[in-house]
Amino acid sequence: MVKRSISKKPKLKKCKVCKNEFKPWESLERLCSPRCAIEFVRLEKDNKQTKENKKALKELNDNDRGIQTEKAQTIFNRYIRLRDVNLPCVSCGRHHAGQYHAGHYRSRGAYPELRFDERNCHKQCSACNNRLSGNITNYRINLVRKIGIAEVERLEGPNPPKKYTIDDLKELQKMYKDKIRQMEKDNV
C-alpha cells in the first residue's frame, strides 16, 4: 500500500502592516499586498530615521551645559532628600506626610556658586519651600543649630563664582549617583 503525502493547507497569517489575515503564497511572507509592502518600507525608513534622530539628540544633550546642570541638580536633590530622610523639615521642624524638597538656604538662582554645596541644601517640606518662599527666617535659625554659625556666615558671605564645565557636571552626577547607591545599599 502506497501512502500519499497530503499537502497541508497554508496557515493564515496576520499582515504586519494592516493586521488583516491573509493566505500566504510562501511560508516567509509577512505582508498581504504590495500596498502593505510599500507602507512597511516607509515605516522601516521612518523607524531608522527616528533612531538616528534620538542618537543625534542624545549627543546634542550630552554637550549641552544647561541639560547637564539640570541632570546634576536632580541627582543632587535626590541625594539631599535621602541624606536627610529621618530629619524633620529644616524650616518648620515638623515631620509630616507629604512631599519634601531639597531646599536651598541661599537660592540657586541668586547664588549659583552654592547650587551644589551640601551645607546650603537641606530637606524642606513643600509648604515651607513653595508657599512660604523657603521660610528663610526659620530656616536660618534651625540651620545655625544644625551646622553652626560659622558655616552659615560662610554661606552668607561672598563666595567665589563657579563656572561648571560639562565634564564637571558629569563628574558631579557620577559622584552623587555613587553616594545615593551607597546610601541605598547601607539602608537595605
N, C-alpha and C. Protein backbone atom coordinates (compact mmCIF):
# COMPACT_ATOMS: atom_id res chain seq x y z
N MET A 1 0.83 -1.16 0.00
CA MET A 1 0.00 0.00 0.00
C MET A 1 0.89 1.24 0.00
N VAL A 2 0.64 2.18 -0.86
CA VAL A 2 1.42 3.39 -1.04
C VAL A 2 0.72 4.54 -0.31
N LYS A 3 1.51 5.23 0.49
CA LYS A 3 0.95 6.38 1.20
C LYS A 3 1.11 7.62 0.35
N ARG A 4 0.08 8.35 0.29
CA ARG A 4 0.15 9.61 -0.41
C ARG A 4 0.44 10.73 0.59
N SER A 5 1.26 11.64 0.17
CA SER A 5 1.52 12.78 1.05
C SER A 5 0.41 13.80 0.84
N ILE A 6 -0.16 14.15 1.90
CA ILE A 6 -1.23 15.13 1.82
C ILE A 6 -0.60 16.48 2.12
N SER A 7 -0.76 17.38 1.17
CA SER A 7 -0.16 18.71 1.39
C SER A 7 -1.04 19.48 2.37
N LYS A 8 -0.36 20.13 3.28
CA LYS A 8 -1.07 20.90 4.28
C LYS A 8 -1.54 22.21 3.67
N LYS A 9 -2.68 22.64 4.13
CA LYS A 9 -3.15 23.94 3.71
C LYS A 9 -2.32 24.99 4.44
N PRO A 10 -1.93 26.04 3.73
CA PRO A 10 -1.14 27.06 4.41
C PRO A 10 -1.97 27.74 5.50
N LYS A 11 -1.30 28.00 6.60
CA LYS A 11 -1.97 28.68 7.71
C LYS A 11 -2.18 30.15 7.35
N LEU A 12 -3.24 30.68 7.86
CA LEU A 12 -3.47 32.11 7.67
C LEU A 12 -2.48 32.88 8.55
N LYS A 13 -2.01 34.00 8.02
CA LYS A 13 -1.10 34.86 8.76
C LYS A 13 -1.71 36.24 8.90
N LYS A 14 -1.18 36.98 9.83
CA LYS A 14 -1.65 38.34 10.05
C LYS A 14 -0.63 39.29 9.43
N CYS A 15 -1.11 40.19 8.59
CA CYS A 15 -0.24 41.16 7.92
C CYS A 15 0.41 42.08 8.97
N LYS A 16 1.70 42.35 8.83
CA LYS A 16 2.44 43.19 9.77
C LYS A 16 2.02 44.65 9.73
N VAL A 17 1.39 45.07 8.64
CA VAL A 17 1.00 46.48 8.50
C VAL A 17 -0.47 46.69 8.81
N CYS A 18 -1.34 46.03 8.04
CA CYS A 18 -2.77 46.30 8.20
C CYS A 18 -3.45 45.37 9.21
N LYS A 19 -2.75 44.36 9.68
CA LYS A 19 -3.23 43.41 10.70
C LYS A 19 -4.38 42.52 10.23
N ASN A 20 -4.66 42.51 8.91
CA ASN A 20 -5.68 41.61 8.37
C ASN A 20 -5.08 40.24 8.15
N GLU A 21 -5.90 39.21 8.24
CA GLU A 21 -5.42 37.86 7.95
C GLU A 21 -5.37 37.66 6.45
N PHE A 22 -4.35 36.91 6.01
CA PHE A 22 -4.21 36.61 4.59
C PHE A 22 -3.62 35.22 4.42
N LYS A 23 -3.78 34.70 3.21
CA LYS A 23 -3.26 33.37 2.88
C LYS A 23 -1.93 33.57 2.14
N PRO A 24 -0.80 33.23 2.75
CA PRO A 24 0.49 33.48 2.12
C PRO A 24 0.78 32.51 0.98
N TRP A 25 1.52 32.98 -0.01
CA TRP A 25 1.97 32.13 -1.11
C TRP A 25 3.22 31.35 -0.68
N GLU A 26 4.02 32.00 0.13
CA GLU A 26 5.24 31.37 0.64
C GLU A 26 5.23 31.42 2.16
N SER A 27 5.98 30.54 2.77
CA SER A 27 5.95 30.44 4.23
C SER A 27 6.53 31.65 4.95
N LEU A 28 7.39 32.41 4.29
CA LEU A 28 8.05 33.54 4.95
C LEU A 28 7.37 34.89 4.69
N GLU A 29 6.27 34.87 4.00
CA GLU A 29 5.57 36.12 3.72
C GLU A 29 5.06 36.75 5.01
N ARG A 30 5.19 38.08 5.09
CA ARG A 30 4.73 38.79 6.27
C ARG A 30 3.68 39.85 5.94
N LEU A 31 3.52 40.11 4.65
CA LEU A 31 2.64 41.19 4.23
C LEU A 31 1.62 40.67 3.22
N CYS A 32 0.44 41.27 3.24
CA CYS A 32 -0.65 40.74 2.43
C CYS A 32 -0.71 41.28 1.01
N SER A 33 -0.12 42.45 0.77
CA SER A 33 -0.28 43.07 -0.55
C SER A 33 0.89 43.98 -0.86
N PRO A 34 1.04 44.36 -2.13
CA PRO A 34 2.08 45.33 -2.48
C PRO A 34 1.88 46.67 -1.77
N ARG A 35 0.64 47.08 -1.56
CA ARG A 35 0.37 48.33 -0.85
C ARG A 35 0.95 48.27 0.57
N CYS A 36 0.74 47.14 1.26
CA CYS A 36 1.29 46.98 2.61
C CYS A 36 2.81 46.89 2.57
N ALA A 37 3.36 46.32 1.52
CA ALA A 37 4.82 46.23 1.39
C ALA A 37 5.42 47.63 1.28
N ILE A 38 4.80 48.49 0.50
CA ILE A 38 5.28 49.87 0.35
C ILE A 38 5.19 50.59 1.68
N GLU A 39 4.07 50.43 2.38
CA GLU A 39 3.88 51.06 3.69
C GLU A 39 4.91 50.54 4.71
N PHE A 40 5.19 49.24 4.64
CA PHE A 40 6.16 48.62 5.55
C PHE A 40 7.55 49.23 5.34
N VAL A 41 7.94 49.40 4.09
CA VAL A 41 9.25 50.00 3.79
C VAL A 41 9.29 51.44 4.31
N ARG A 42 8.20 52.19 4.14
CA ARG A 42 8.15 53.56 4.63
C ARG A 42 8.27 53.59 6.16
N LEU A 43 7.57 52.68 6.84
CA LEU A 43 7.62 52.63 8.30
C LEU A 43 9.02 52.25 8.78
N GLU A 44 9.67 51.32 8.12
CA GLU A 44 11.04 50.93 8.49
C GLU A 44 12.00 52.10 8.32
N LYS A 45 11.82 52.85 7.22
CA LYS A 45 12.67 54.02 6.97
C LYS A 45 12.46 55.06 8.06
N ASP A 46 11.19 55.32 8.42
CA ASP A 46 10.89 56.28 9.49
C ASP A 46 11.49 55.83 10.81
N ASN A 47 11.41 54.53 11.09
CA ASN A 47 11.96 53.98 12.33
C ASN A 47 13.47 54.18 12.38
N LYS A 48 14.13 53.96 11.26
CA LYS A 48 15.58 54.14 11.19
C LYS A 48 15.93 55.61 11.42
N GLN A 49 15.16 56.53 10.80
CA GLN A 49 15.41 57.96 10.98
C GLN A 49 15.17 58.36 12.43
N THR A 50 14.15 57.78 13.07
CA THR A 50 13.85 58.10 14.46
C THR A 50 15.02 57.67 15.35
N LYS A 51 15.57 56.49 15.10
CA LYS A 51 16.71 56.03 15.88
C LYS A 51 17.90 56.96 15.69
N GLU A 52 18.13 57.38 14.44
CA GLU A 52 19.23 58.31 14.17
C GLU A 52 18.99 59.65 14.85
N ASN A 53 17.73 60.12 14.81
CA ASN A 53 17.40 61.39 15.47
C ASN A 53 17.60 61.30 16.97
N LYS A 54 17.20 60.17 17.58
CA LYS A 54 17.39 60.00 19.02
C LYS A 54 18.87 60.00 19.37
N LYS A 55 19.67 59.34 18.55
CA LYS A 55 21.11 59.29 18.80
C LYS A 55 21.72 60.70 18.69
N ALA A 56 21.30 61.44 17.66
CA ALA A 56 21.81 62.80 17.48
C ALA A 56 21.37 63.69 18.63
N LEU A 57 20.12 63.53 19.09
CA LEU A 57 19.61 64.33 20.21
C LEU A 57 20.37 64.01 21.48
N LYS A 58 20.68 62.73 21.71
CA LYS A 58 21.44 62.33 22.89
C LYS A 58 22.83 62.97 22.86
N GLU A 59 23.47 62.94 21.68
CA GLU A 59 24.80 63.55 21.56
C GLU A 59 24.71 65.06 21.81
N LEU A 60 23.65 65.68 21.30
CA LEU A 60 23.46 67.11 21.50
C LEU A 60 23.25 67.41 22.98
N ASN A 61 22.43 66.60 23.66
CA ASN A 61 22.16 66.80 25.08
C ASN A 61 23.40 66.57 25.92
N ASP A 62 24.24 65.62 25.52
CA ASP A 62 25.47 65.35 26.27
C ASP A 62 26.42 66.55 26.21
N ASN A 63 26.26 67.39 25.21
CA ASN A 63 27.14 68.55 25.06
C ASN A 63 26.44 69.86 25.40
N ASP A 64 25.31 69.78 26.08
CA ASP A 64 24.55 70.97 26.48
C ASP A 64 24.71 71.18 27.98
N ARG A 65 25.35 72.28 28.36
CA ARG A 65 25.62 72.52 29.76
C ARG A 65 24.35 72.70 30.58
N GLY A 66 23.33 73.33 30.01
CA GLY A 66 22.07 73.52 30.72
C GLY A 66 21.40 72.20 31.06
N ILE A 67 21.38 71.29 30.12
CA ILE A 67 20.77 69.98 30.35
C ILE A 67 21.58 69.20 31.38
N GLN A 68 22.89 69.26 31.27
CA GLN A 68 23.75 68.55 32.23
C GLN A 68 23.61 69.16 33.63
N THR A 69 23.41 70.48 33.70
CA THR A 69 23.21 71.13 35.00
C THR A 69 21.93 70.63 35.64
N GLU A 70 20.86 70.56 34.85
CA GLU A 70 19.59 70.08 35.40
C GLU A 70 19.66 68.61 35.82
N LYS A 71 20.36 67.80 35.04
CA LYS A 71 20.55 66.38 35.43
C LYS A 71 21.30 66.30 36.76
N ALA A 72 22.38 67.07 36.87
CA ALA A 72 23.18 67.07 38.10
C ALA A 72 22.33 67.57 39.27
N GLN A 73 21.51 68.60 39.04
CA GLN A 73 20.66 69.15 40.10
C GLN A 73 19.64 68.12 40.57
N THR A 74 19.05 67.39 39.65
CA THR A 74 18.07 66.37 40.00
C THR A 74 18.70 65.28 40.88
N ILE A 75 19.89 64.84 40.50
CA ILE A 75 20.57 63.80 41.27
C ILE A 75 21.01 64.35 42.63
N PHE A 76 21.52 65.58 42.64
CA PHE A 76 21.93 66.22 43.90
C PHE A 76 20.74 66.35 44.85
N ASN A 77 19.60 66.80 44.35
CA ASN A 77 18.40 66.95 45.18
C ASN A 77 17.95 65.61 45.75
N ARG A 78 18.02 64.58 44.95
CA ARG A 78 17.66 63.24 45.43
C ARG A 78 18.59 62.81 46.56
N TYR A 79 19.87 63.10 46.39
CA TYR A 79 20.85 62.77 47.44
C TYR A 79 20.50 63.50 48.74
N ILE A 80 20.18 64.79 48.66
CA ILE A 80 19.86 65.58 49.86
C ILE A 80 18.64 64.99 50.56
N ARG A 81 17.61 64.65 49.80
CA ARG A 81 16.41 64.07 50.42
C ARG A 81 16.71 62.73 51.09
N LEU A 82 17.58 61.93 50.47
CA LEU A 82 17.99 60.65 51.08
C LEU A 82 18.86 60.88 52.31
N ARG A 83 19.77 61.82 52.23
CA ARG A 83 20.66 62.11 53.35
C ARG A 83 19.87 62.52 54.59
N ASP A 84 18.83 63.32 54.38
CA ASP A 84 18.04 63.87 55.49
C ASP A 84 16.72 63.13 55.70
N VAL A 85 16.61 61.92 55.22
CA VAL A 85 15.33 61.20 55.22
C VAL A 85 14.70 61.11 56.60
N ASN A 86 15.48 60.95 57.65
CA ASN A 86 14.93 60.80 59.01
C ASN A 86 14.84 62.12 59.77
N LEU A 87 15.25 63.20 59.15
CA LEU A 87 15.23 64.51 59.80
C LEU A 87 13.93 65.25 59.47
N PRO A 88 13.51 66.18 60.34
CA PRO A 88 12.32 66.98 60.03
C PRO A 88 12.67 68.06 59.01
N CYS A 89 11.66 68.79 58.59
CA CYS A 89 11.85 69.94 57.70
C CYS A 89 12.79 70.93 58.39
N VAL A 90 13.77 71.41 57.68
CA VAL A 90 14.76 72.31 58.26
C VAL A 90 14.14 73.65 58.67
N SER A 91 13.05 74.05 58.06
CA SER A 91 12.43 75.34 58.38
C SER A 91 11.43 75.25 59.52
N CYS A 92 10.44 74.37 59.39
CA CYS A 92 9.38 74.33 60.40
C CYS A 92 9.61 73.26 61.47
N GLY A 93 10.55 72.36 61.24
CA GLY A 93 10.88 71.35 62.23
C GLY A 93 9.85 70.25 62.39
N ARG A 94 8.94 70.13 61.41
CA ARG A 94 7.88 69.11 61.51
C ARG A 94 8.20 67.90 60.67
N HIS A 95 7.73 66.75 61.14
CA HIS A 95 7.67 65.53 60.34
C HIS A 95 6.23 65.42 59.90
N HIS A 96 5.96 65.24 58.66
CA HIS A 96 4.58 65.06 58.22
C HIS A 96 4.55 64.28 56.93
N ALA A 97 3.38 63.71 56.65
CA ALA A 97 3.21 63.01 55.38
C ALA A 97 3.09 64.08 54.30
N GLY A 98 3.75 63.89 53.24
CA GLY A 98 3.69 64.87 52.16
C GLY A 98 5.01 64.90 51.42
N GLN A 99 5.10 65.81 50.52
CA GLN A 99 6.27 65.89 49.66
C GLN A 99 7.36 66.73 50.32
N TYR A 100 8.57 66.27 50.18
CA TYR A 100 9.73 67.02 50.67
C TYR A 100 10.60 67.42 49.49
N HIS A 101 11.24 68.56 49.62
CA HIS A 101 12.14 69.08 48.60
C HIS A 101 13.55 69.16 49.17
N ALA A 102 14.48 69.42 48.29
CA ALA A 102 15.83 69.76 48.70
C ALA A 102 15.88 71.29 48.65
N GLY A 103 15.63 71.93 49.80
CA GLY A 103 15.52 73.38 49.85
C GLY A 103 16.88 74.03 50.05
N HIS A 104 17.19 75.00 49.21
CA HIS A 104 18.45 75.73 49.31
C HIS A 104 18.27 76.94 50.24
N TYR A 105 19.19 77.13 51.17
CA TYR A 105 19.17 78.30 52.04
C TYR A 105 19.42 79.55 51.20
N ARG A 106 20.51 79.56 50.48
CA ARG A 106 20.80 80.63 49.51
C ARG A 106 20.36 80.09 48.16
N SER A 107 19.39 80.72 47.54
CA SER A 107 18.76 80.18 46.33
C SER A 107 19.77 79.96 45.21
N ARG A 108 19.49 78.94 44.41
CA ARG A 108 20.42 78.62 43.33
C ARG A 108 20.37 79.65 42.22
N GLY A 109 19.27 80.39 42.10
CA GLY A 109 19.20 81.45 41.09
C GLY A 109 20.06 82.64 41.47
N ALA A 110 19.98 83.05 42.73
CA ALA A 110 20.73 84.22 43.18
C ALA A 110 22.19 83.88 43.51
N TYR A 111 22.43 82.63 43.92
CA TYR A 111 23.77 82.20 44.33
C TYR A 111 24.14 80.88 43.64
N PRO A 112 24.36 80.92 42.33
CA PRO A 112 24.63 79.67 41.61
C PRO A 112 25.91 78.96 42.08
N GLU A 113 26.81 79.72 42.70
CA GLU A 113 28.05 79.11 43.19
C GLU A 113 27.79 78.16 44.36
N LEU A 114 26.62 78.29 45.02
CA LEU A 114 26.26 77.42 46.15
C LEU A 114 25.25 76.34 45.76
N ARG A 115 24.98 76.24 44.49
CA ARG A 115 23.98 75.30 43.97
C ARG A 115 24.23 73.87 44.44
N PHE A 116 25.47 73.41 44.40
CA PHE A 116 25.81 72.03 44.77
C PHE A 116 26.55 71.95 46.11
N ASP A 117 26.40 72.95 46.95
CA ASP A 117 27.02 72.96 48.27
C ASP A 117 26.08 72.22 49.23
N GLU A 118 26.55 71.10 49.78
CA GLU A 118 25.71 70.26 50.64
C GLU A 118 25.30 70.97 51.93
N ARG A 119 26.08 71.95 52.38
CA ARG A 119 25.73 72.69 53.60
C ARG A 119 24.64 73.72 53.33
N ASN A 120 24.44 74.07 52.06
CA ASN A 120 23.44 75.07 51.66
C ASN A 120 22.09 74.44 51.35
N CYS A 121 22.00 73.14 51.35
CA CYS A 121 20.78 72.47 50.90
C CYS A 121 20.36 71.41 51.92
N HIS A 122 19.08 71.45 52.30
CA HIS A 122 18.57 70.53 53.32
C HIS A 122 17.14 70.15 53.00
N LYS A 123 16.69 69.08 53.63
CA LYS A 123 15.32 68.60 53.43
C LYS A 123 14.34 69.65 53.94
N GLN A 124 13.37 69.97 53.08
CA GLN A 124 12.40 71.01 53.41
C GLN A 124 11.03 70.59 52.89
N CYS A 125 10.00 70.79 53.70
CA CYS A 125 8.66 70.41 53.25
C CYS A 125 8.22 71.35 52.12
N SER A 126 7.33 70.83 51.28
CA SER A 126 6.90 71.62 50.13
C SER A 126 6.17 72.89 50.56
N ALA A 127 5.46 72.85 51.70
CA ALA A 127 4.75 74.04 52.17
C ALA A 127 5.74 75.17 52.47
N CYS A 128 6.81 74.85 53.19
CA CYS A 128 7.81 75.88 53.51
C CYS A 128 8.54 76.35 52.25
N ASN A 129 8.90 75.41 51.40
CA ASN A 129 9.69 75.75 50.22
C ASN A 129 8.87 76.53 49.20
N ASN A 130 7.65 76.12 48.94
CA ASN A 130 6.85 76.77 47.90
C ASN A 130 5.99 77.91 48.43
N ARG A 131 5.11 77.62 49.38
CA ARG A 131 4.15 78.62 49.84
C ARG A 131 4.78 79.71 50.69
N LEU A 132 5.81 79.35 51.45
CA LEU A 132 6.45 80.34 52.33
C LEU A 132 7.79 80.83 51.77
N SER A 133 8.03 80.58 50.50
CA SER A 133 9.26 81.03 49.81
C SER A 133 10.53 80.62 50.56
N GLY A 134 10.53 79.42 51.08
CA GLY A 134 11.70 78.90 51.77
C GLY A 134 11.65 79.08 53.28
N ASN A 135 10.72 79.89 53.77
CA ASN A 135 10.60 80.13 55.22
C ASN A 135 11.99 80.45 55.79
N ILE A 136 12.65 81.42 55.17
CA ILE A 136 14.08 81.69 55.39
C ILE A 136 14.42 82.04 56.83
N THR A 137 13.58 82.78 57.52
CA THR A 137 13.89 83.16 58.90
C THR A 137 14.04 81.92 59.77
N ASN A 138 13.06 81.04 59.72
CA ASN A 138 13.14 79.79 60.50
C ASN A 138 14.22 78.87 59.95
N TYR A 139 14.43 78.89 58.62
CA TYR A 139 15.49 78.08 58.01
C TYR A 139 16.83 78.47 58.65
N ARG A 140 17.10 79.78 58.73
CA ARG A 140 18.39 80.24 59.27
C ARG A 140 18.54 79.84 60.73
N ILE A 141 17.51 80.02 61.55
CA ILE A 141 17.57 79.67 62.97
C ILE A 141 17.93 78.19 63.13
N ASN A 142 17.24 77.32 62.41
CA ASN A 142 17.49 75.88 62.51
C ASN A 142 18.81 75.48 61.85
N LEU A 143 19.21 76.22 60.81
CA LEU A 143 20.48 75.92 60.14
C LEU A 143 21.66 76.22 61.07
N VAL A 144 21.56 77.31 61.85
CA VAL A 144 22.62 77.63 62.82
C VAL A 144 22.74 76.49 63.82
N ARG A 145 21.60 75.95 64.28
CA ARG A 145 21.63 74.81 65.20
C ARG A 145 22.25 73.58 64.54
N LYS A 146 21.98 73.41 63.29
CA LYS A 146 22.42 72.19 62.59
C LYS A 146 23.89 72.23 62.18
N ILE A 147 24.35 73.33 61.57
CA ILE A 147 25.72 73.35 61.04
C ILE A 147 26.62 74.38 61.71
N GLY A 148 26.05 75.24 62.56
CA GLY A 148 26.86 76.22 63.28
C GLY A 148 26.87 77.58 62.61
N ILE A 149 27.10 78.59 63.42
CA ILE A 149 27.06 79.98 62.94
C ILE A 149 28.17 80.27 61.93
N ALA A 150 29.34 79.67 62.13
CA ALA A 150 30.47 79.93 61.22
C ALA A 150 30.14 79.47 59.80
N GLU A 151 29.53 78.30 59.68
CA GLU A 151 29.17 77.78 58.36
C GLU A 151 28.07 78.62 57.73
N VAL A 152 27.10 79.05 58.52
CA VAL A 152 26.01 79.89 57.98
C VAL A 152 26.58 81.22 57.49
N GLU A 153 27.50 81.80 58.25
CA GLU A 153 28.11 83.05 57.82
C GLU A 153 28.96 82.86 56.58
N ARG A 154 29.59 81.68 56.45
CA ARG A 154 30.33 81.38 55.22
C ARG A 154 29.38 81.36 54.02
N LEU A 155 28.21 80.73 54.21
CA LEU A 155 27.23 80.70 53.12
C LEU A 155 26.72 82.10 52.78
N GLU A 156 26.55 82.94 53.81
CA GLU A 156 26.03 84.29 53.60
C GLU A 156 27.09 85.26 53.07
N GLY A 157 28.34 84.95 53.31
CA GLY A 157 29.42 85.83 52.88
C GLY A 157 29.67 85.73 51.39
N PRO A 158 30.62 86.50 50.91
CA PRO A 158 30.93 86.40 49.47
C PRO A 158 31.57 85.04 49.17
N ASN A 159 31.11 84.44 48.12
CA ASN A 159 31.65 83.15 47.69
C ASN A 159 32.15 83.29 46.26
N PRO A 160 33.28 82.69 45.96
CA PRO A 160 33.81 82.83 44.60
C PRO A 160 32.87 82.19 43.58
N PRO A 161 32.69 82.85 42.44
CA PRO A 161 31.80 82.28 41.42
C PRO A 161 32.37 80.97 40.87
N LYS A 162 31.46 80.08 40.47
CA LYS A 162 31.88 78.81 39.88
C LYS A 162 31.26 78.69 38.51
N LYS A 163 32.06 78.33 37.54
CA LYS A 163 31.58 78.10 36.19
C LYS A 163 31.81 76.61 35.91
N TYR A 164 30.74 75.84 36.03
CA TYR A 164 30.85 74.39 35.85
C TYR A 164 30.96 74.05 34.37
N THR A 165 31.96 73.23 34.04
CA THR A 165 32.07 72.72 32.68
C THR A 165 31.19 71.48 32.56
N ILE A 166 30.99 71.03 31.35
CA ILE A 166 30.19 69.82 31.13
C ILE A 166 30.83 68.64 31.84
N ASP A 167 32.15 68.56 31.79
CA ASP A 167 32.85 67.47 32.48
C ASP A 167 32.67 67.56 33.99
N ASP A 168 32.70 68.78 34.53
CA ASP A 168 32.46 68.96 35.97
C ASP A 168 31.07 68.46 36.34
N LEU A 169 30.08 68.81 35.53
CA LEU A 169 28.70 68.42 35.81
C LEU A 169 28.52 66.91 35.72
N LYS A 170 29.16 66.29 34.74
CA LYS A 170 29.08 64.83 34.61
C LYS A 170 29.76 64.15 35.79
N GLU A 171 30.85 64.74 36.26
CA GLU A 171 31.55 64.20 37.43
C GLU A 171 30.68 64.33 38.68
N LEU A 172 30.00 65.48 38.83
CA LEU A 172 29.07 65.66 39.95
C LEU A 172 27.95 64.61 39.90
N GLN A 173 27.41 64.38 38.70
CA GLN A 173 26.36 63.37 38.55
C GLN A 173 26.85 62.01 38.99
N LYS A 174 28.03 61.66 38.54
CA LYS A 174 28.61 60.35 38.89
C LYS A 174 28.84 60.26 40.40
N MET A 175 29.40 61.31 41.00
CA MET A 175 29.70 61.30 42.43
C MET A 175 28.42 61.13 43.25
N TYR A 176 27.38 61.89 42.93
CA TYR A 176 26.15 61.80 43.71
C TYR A 176 25.38 60.51 43.43
N LYS A 177 25.48 59.99 42.23
CA LYS A 177 24.87 58.67 41.96
C LYS A 177 25.55 57.60 42.82
N ASP A 178 26.87 57.68 42.93
CA ASP A 178 27.61 56.72 43.77
C ASP A 178 27.22 56.88 45.24
N LYS A 179 27.08 58.12 45.72
CA LYS A 179 26.68 58.34 47.10
C LYS A 179 25.28 57.80 47.36
N ILE A 180 24.37 58.01 46.41
CA ILE A 180 22.99 57.50 46.54
C ILE A 180 23.01 55.99 46.58
N ARG A 181 23.76 55.38 45.68
CA ARG A 181 23.86 53.91 45.63
C ARG A 181 24.37 53.36 46.96
N GLN A 182 25.39 54.03 47.51
CA GLN A 182 25.96 53.59 48.78
C GLN A 182 24.95 53.74 49.90
N MET A 183 24.23 54.84 49.94
CA MET A 183 23.22 55.06 50.98
C MET A 183 22.10 54.03 50.89
N GLU A 184 21.66 53.74 49.68
CA GLU A 184 20.60 52.74 49.49
C GLU A 184 21.09 51.36 49.89
N LYS A 185 22.36 51.08 49.60
CA LYS A 185 22.96 49.79 49.97
C LYS A 185 23.05 49.66 51.50
N ASP A 186 23.43 50.74 52.17
CA ASP A 186 23.55 50.74 53.63
C ASP A 186 22.20 50.61 54.30
N ASN A 187 21.15 51.15 53.70
CA ASN A 187 19.80 51.10 54.28
C ASN A 187 19.10 49.77 54.08
N VAL A 188 19.62 48.94 53.20
CA VAL A 188 18.95 47.65 52.92
C VAL A 188 19.29 46.63 53.94
